[in-house]
């Protein structure tokens, strides 16, 4: 008995314990591999895509959704349009609705309200303001193309543009000013400024652009070509001016 026990004891010390440890290691390795395989499967047992692939699909899906939303927005059909006069006279017996429209539209001059759906915007004048100098008032030709150099600016001088315009017939939504400038055929500036939404009225509106500074230096001097536009949210263009101007070392003599 004691010998058998001794043999058993000596057998453990001769490697059976090591074999057990190896078996346990193999079992743990198998469990680890199984756990890893399970982690790569979804709850329904199907294998999931690698994480990088999932992110790529997710991002592309987001972009596709945004594009689809844009497409859907483009497909939206608006209801019937009404002239501003029709809007003001519609449901005029409803006191609460009338007050809401008055608050929404503000003080609309009925003499400036037309029978057409389209608003009318007329640019009355353009002026260049510079501190310490008289305003340069620009005459707008009927065809929108001034002959020769339209104006001259001094290099390194501060200036701002002042627009005066009139709105009639209907509300103009999102009126904006765009200006693109080229020098020797190379685009050097592209400006876009939102003027706002305006209701028709007999008195003209005025809008002054943020102050800017003309470039300076020998390479800044010379002749430039430019195109200015006044457009609204519906891409309707009310005025397009194609012109040239100069930047010189000094202001042009009156």
Protein backbone atom coordinates (compact mmCIF):
# COMPACT_ATOMS: atom_id res chain seq x y z
CA UNK A 1 0.00 0.00 0.00
CA UNK A 2 2.65 2.39 0.98
CA UNK A 3 4.63 1.41 -2.12
CA UNK A 4 1.68 1.98 -4.37
CA UNK A 5 1.13 5.33 -2.81
CA UNK A 6 4.78 5.99 -3.14
CA UNK A 7 4.70 5.06 -6.81
CA UNK A 8 1.72 7.26 -7.37
CA UNK A 9 3.45 10.06 -5.58
CA UNK A 10 6.61 9.55 -7.57
CA UNK A 11 4.58 9.35 -10.77
CA UNK A 12 3.18 12.83 -10.13
CA UNK A 13 6.62 14.14 -9.48
CA UNK A 14 7.84 12.51 -12.72
CA UNK A 15 5.56 14.50 -15.07
CA UNK A 16 1.91 13.69 -14.66
CA UNK A 17 1.35 17.07 -12.99
CA UNK A 18 3.05 18.72 -15.94
CA UNK A 19 0.77 16.81 -18.33
CA UNK A 20 -2.24 18.03 -16.37
CA UNK A 21 -1.02 21.60 -16.56
CA UNK A 22 -0.51 21.21 -20.30
CA UNK A 23 -4.02 19.81 -20.67
CA UNK A 24 -5.42 22.70 -18.65
CA UNK A 25 -3.48 25.13 -20.82
CA UNK A 26 -4.88 23.47 -23.95
CA UNK A 27 -8.40 23.64 -22.52
CA UNK A 28 -7.97 27.28 -21.60
CA UNK A 29 -6.64 27.98 -25.08
CA UNK A 30 -9.63 26.19 -26.61
CA UNK A 31 -12.02 28.17 -24.39
CA UNK A 32 -10.22 31.39 -25.36
CA UNK A 33 -10.50 30.56 -29.08
CA UNK A 34 -14.17 29.67 -28.64
CA UNK A 35 -14.82 32.90 -26.76
CA UNK A 36 -13.05 34.84 -29.53
CA UNK A 37 -15.19 33.09 -32.18
CA UNK A 38 -18.33 33.88 -30.22
CA UNK A 39 -17.30 37.51 -29.87
CA UNK A 40 -17.02 37.70 -33.66
CA UNK A 41 -20.60 36.45 -34.01
CA UNK A 42 -23.77 38.38 -33.48
CA UNK A 43 -26.55 37.44 -31.15
CA UNK A 44 -28.24 35.46 -33.88
CA UNK A 45 -25.08 33.46 -34.53
CA UNK A 46 -24.03 35.18 -37.74
CA UNK A 47 -20.54 36.51 -38.02
CA UNK A 48 -20.20 40.27 -37.78
CA UNK A 49 -18.12 42.31 -40.18
CA UNK A 50 -14.76 43.55 -38.91
CA UNK A 51 -15.01 46.77 -36.92
CA UNK A 52 -13.29 48.85 -39.61
CA UNK A 53 -15.73 47.55 -42.22
CA UNK A 54 -18.68 48.36 -39.97
CA UNK A 55 -17.50 51.96 -39.51
CA UNK A 56 -17.03 52.38 -43.24
CA UNK A 57 -20.52 51.12 -44.00
CA UNK A 58 -21.99 53.26 -41.24
CA UNK A 59 -20.33 56.44 -42.51
CA UNK A 60 -21.34 55.78 -46.10
CA UNK A 61 -24.87 55.14 -44.93
CA UNK A 62 -24.91 58.51 -43.16
CA UNK A 63 -23.71 60.30 -46.28
CA UNK A 64 -26.24 58.45 -48.39
CA UNK A 65 -28.96 59.48 -45.94
CA UNK A 66 -27.92 63.11 -46.16
CA UNK A 67 -27.92 62.94 -49.95
CA UNK A 68 -31.31 61.29 -49.90
CA UNK A 69 -32.63 64.03 -47.63
CA UNK A 70 -31.33 66.65 -50.06
CA UNK A 71 -32.97 64.80 -52.93
CA UNK A 72 -36.21 64.56 -51.00
CA UNK A 73 -36.04 68.27 -50.22
CA UNK A 74 -35.64 68.99 -53.91
CA UNK A 75 -38.67 66.84 -54.68
CA UNK A 76 -40.94 68.70 -52.26
CA UNK A 77 -43.72 70.39 -54.16
CA UNK A 78 -44.84 73.65 -52.62
CA UNK A 79 -48.46 74.64 -52.47
CA UNK A 80 -50.04 77.26 -54.71
CA UNK A 81 -48.41 80.67 -54.62
CA UNK A 82 -50.32 83.87 -53.95
CA UNK A 83 -49.54 87.48 -54.60
CA UNK A 84 -48.86 89.55 -51.51
CA UNK A 85 -52.12 91.40 -52.00
CA UNK A 86 -53.99 88.08 -52.08
CA UNK A 87 -52.18 87.01 -48.92
CA UNK A 88 -53.15 90.22 -47.15
CA UNK A 89 -56.78 90.06 -48.26
CA UNK A 90 -57.14 86.34 -47.64
CA UNK A 91 -59.01 85.58 -44.41
CA UNK A 92 -59.17 89.31 -43.68
CA UNK A 93 -62.24 88.71 -41.52
CA UNK A 94 -60.15 86.61 -39.14
CA UNK A 95 -58.82 89.19 -36.67
CA UNK A 96 -56.15 86.96 -35.11
CA UNK A 97 -54.86 85.82 -38.51
CA UNK A 98 -54.79 89.41 -39.78
CA UNK A 99 -52.71 90.52 -36.80
CA UNK A 100 -50.35 87.59 -37.28
CA UNK A 101 -49.82 88.53 -40.94
CA UNK A 102 -49.22 92.16 -40.03
CA UNK A 103 -46.64 91.11 -37.45
CA UNK A 104 -45.00 88.76 -39.95
CA UNK A 105 -44.91 91.19 -42.86
CA UNK A 106 -44.35 94.39 -40.93
CA UNK A 107 -45.48 97.70 -42.36
CA UNK A 108 -46.12 96.87 -45.99
CA UNK A 109 -46.90 99.76 -48.29
CA UNK A 110 -49.99 98.70 -50.25
CA UNK A 111 -48.97 101.07 -53.05
CA UNK A 112 -45.84 98.94 -53.54
CA UNK A 113 -47.78 95.68 -53.65
CA UNK A 114 -48.43 94.34 -57.14
CA UNK A 115 -50.67 91.71 -58.65
CA UNK A 116 -47.76 89.47 -59.71
CA UNK A 117 -46.12 86.63 -57.76
CA UNK A 118 -42.56 87.68 -58.53
CA UNK A 119 -40.92 90.40 -56.43
CA UNK A 120 -39.19 93.24 -58.21
CA UNK A 121 -35.87 94.60 -56.97
CA UNK A 122 -34.33 97.66 -58.59
CA UNK A 123 -30.79 98.68 -57.68
CA UNK A 124 -30.92 102.45 -57.54
CA UNK A 125 -27.30 103.35 -56.77
CA UNK A 126 -23.89 102.01 -55.84
CA UNK A 127 -21.38 104.07 -53.90
CA UNK A 128 -17.85 103.54 -52.61
CA UNK A 129 -17.22 105.06 -49.18
CA UNK A 130 -13.73 105.74 -47.87
CA UNK A 131 -12.88 107.57 -44.62
CA UNK A 132 -11.98 111.23 -45.14
CA UNK A 133 -13.09 111.29 -48.77
CA UNK A 134 -16.30 112.11 -50.66
CA UNK A 135 -18.33 109.08 -51.71
CA UNK A 136 -17.72 107.75 -55.21
CA UNK A 137 -21.24 107.40 -56.64
CA UNK A 138 -21.31 104.97 -59.56
CA UNK A 139 -23.73 105.32 -62.43
CA UNK A 140 -25.32 102.01 -63.40
CA UNK A 141 -25.67 101.66 -67.17
CA UNK A 142 -28.86 100.10 -68.51
CA UNK A 143 -27.02 97.19 -70.11
CA UNK A 144 -24.99 96.53 -66.95
CA UNK A 145 -21.63 96.95 -68.71
CA UNK A 146 -19.83 100.24 -67.96
CA UNK A 147 -17.42 101.34 -70.65
CA UNK A 148 -13.76 101.67 -69.73
CA UNK A 149 -12.53 101.68 -66.15
CA UNK A 150 -15.52 102.19 -63.86
CA UNK A 151 -13.57 103.58 -60.89
CA UNK A 152 -10.09 103.80 -59.36
CA UNK A 153 -9.08 102.90 -55.80
CA UNK A 154 -5.93 103.81 -53.94
CA UNK A 155 -3.76 100.91 -52.83
CA UNK A 156 -3.89 100.09 -49.12
CA UNK A 157 -6.99 102.23 -48.54
CA UNK A 158 -10.04 101.36 -46.45
CA UNK A 159 -13.40 101.36 -48.21
CA UNK A 160 -16.94 99.98 -48.10
CA UNK A 161 -19.75 99.59 -50.61
CA UNK A 162 -23.17 101.16 -50.11
CA UNK A 163 -26.17 99.79 -52.04
CA UNK A 164 -29.52 101.53 -52.40
CA UNK A 165 -32.39 99.49 -53.82
CA UNK A 166 -36.16 99.35 -53.96
CA UNK A 167 -38.46 96.36 -53.53
CA UNK A 168 -41.96 96.16 -55.01
CA UNK A 169 -44.72 93.64 -55.87
CA UNK A 170 -43.83 90.95 -53.35
CA UNK A 171 -41.39 89.93 -50.63
CA UNK A 172 -37.87 89.18 -51.88
CA UNK A 173 -36.32 86.34 -49.92
CA UNK A 174 -32.58 85.94 -49.33
CA UNK A 175 -31.32 88.81 -51.47
CA UNK A 176 -27.54 88.49 -51.76
CA UNK A 177 -24.63 90.24 -53.41
CA UNK A 178 -21.84 88.32 -55.13
CA UNK A 179 -18.66 89.74 -56.61
CA UNK A 180 -15.86 87.95 -58.46
CA UNK A 181 -12.60 89.70 -59.37
CA UNK A 182 -9.88 88.66 -61.86
CA UNK A 183 -6.43 90.08 -62.57
CA UNK A 184 -4.75 89.08 -65.84
CA UNK A 185 -7.24 86.22 -66.13
CA UNK A 186 -6.60 84.81 -62.64
CA UNK A 187 -9.38 84.86 -60.03
CA UNK A 188 -8.14 86.86 -57.04
CA UNK A 189 -11.32 87.42 -55.01
CA UNK A 190 -14.79 85.93 -54.60
CA UNK A 191 -17.18 87.73 -52.24
CA UNK A 192 -20.69 86.68 -51.17
CA UNK A 193 -22.76 88.80 -48.79
CA UNK A 194 -26.31 88.14 -47.64
CA UNK A 195 -28.34 91.35 -47.65
CA UNK A 196 -31.52 89.83 -46.22
CA UNK A 197 -35.25 89.44 -46.86
CA UNK A 198 -37.24 92.58 -47.66
CA UNK A 199 -40.92 93.42 -48.04
CA UNK A 200 -42.16 95.88 -50.67
CA UNK A 201 -42.28 99.53 -49.67
CA UNK A 202 -42.16 102.93 -51.33
CA UNK A 203 -39.01 104.02 -49.50
CA UNK A 204 -35.72 102.54 -50.77
CA UNK A 205 -33.54 100.30 -48.65
CA UNK A 206 -29.84 100.92 -47.96
CA UNK A 207 -27.22 98.31 -47.15
CA UNK A 208 -23.57 98.97 -46.39
CA UNK A 209 -21.03 96.18 -46.84
CA UNK A 210 -18.38 95.48 -44.17
CA UNK A 211 -15.28 97.62 -44.52
CA UNK A 212 -12.40 96.19 -46.53
CA UNK A 213 -8.87 97.26 -47.53
CA UNK A 214 -7.44 97.34 -51.04
CA UNK A 215 -4.22 95.37 -51.59
CA UNK A 216 -0.98 97.30 -51.88
CA UNK A 217 2.39 96.86 -53.56
CA UNK A 218 3.68 96.84 -57.07
CA UNK A 219 1.94 93.55 -57.92
CA UNK A 220 -1.40 94.82 -56.60
CA UNK A 221 -1.47 97.86 -58.86
CA UNK A 222 -3.03 97.64 -62.28
CA UNK A 223 -6.31 96.84 -63.97
CA UNK A 224 -8.89 94.33 -62.73
CA UNK A 225 -12.05 92.87 -64.25
CA UNK A 226 -15.05 91.96 -62.13
CA UNK A 227 -18.63 90.70 -62.18
CA UNK A 228 -21.21 91.72 -59.58
CA UNK A 229 -24.65 90.15 -59.17
CA UNK A 230 -27.74 90.70 -57.04
CA UNK A 231 -29.71 87.43 -56.74
CA UNK A 232 -32.29 85.92 -54.40
CA UNK A 233 -33.00 82.47 -52.97
CA UNK A 234 -34.79 81.46 -56.16
CA UNK A 235 -31.61 82.26 -58.15
CA UNK A 236 -33.39 85.16 -59.83
CA UNK A 237 -30.84 87.77 -60.89
CA UNK A 238 -31.96 91.40 -60.60
CA UNK A 239 -28.75 93.01 -61.80
CA UNK A 240 -25.47 91.79 -63.29
CA UNK A 241 -22.62 94.21 -63.85
CA UNK A 242 -19.46 93.35 -65.77
CA UNK A 243 -16.82 96.03 -65.34
CA UNK A 244 -13.15 96.91 -64.95
CA UNK A 245 -11.46 99.04 -62.30
CA UNK A 246 -7.97 100.14 -61.37
CA UNK A 247 -5.84 100.15 -58.23
CA UNK A 248 -3.24 102.94 -58.31
CA UNK A 249 -0.71 104.57 -56.01
CA UNK A 250 -3.16 107.40 -55.35
CA UNK A 251 -6.81 108.30 -55.75
CA UNK A 252 -8.04 109.45 -59.13
CA UNK A 253 -8.40 113.21 -59.46
CA UNK A 254 -12.03 114.38 -59.47
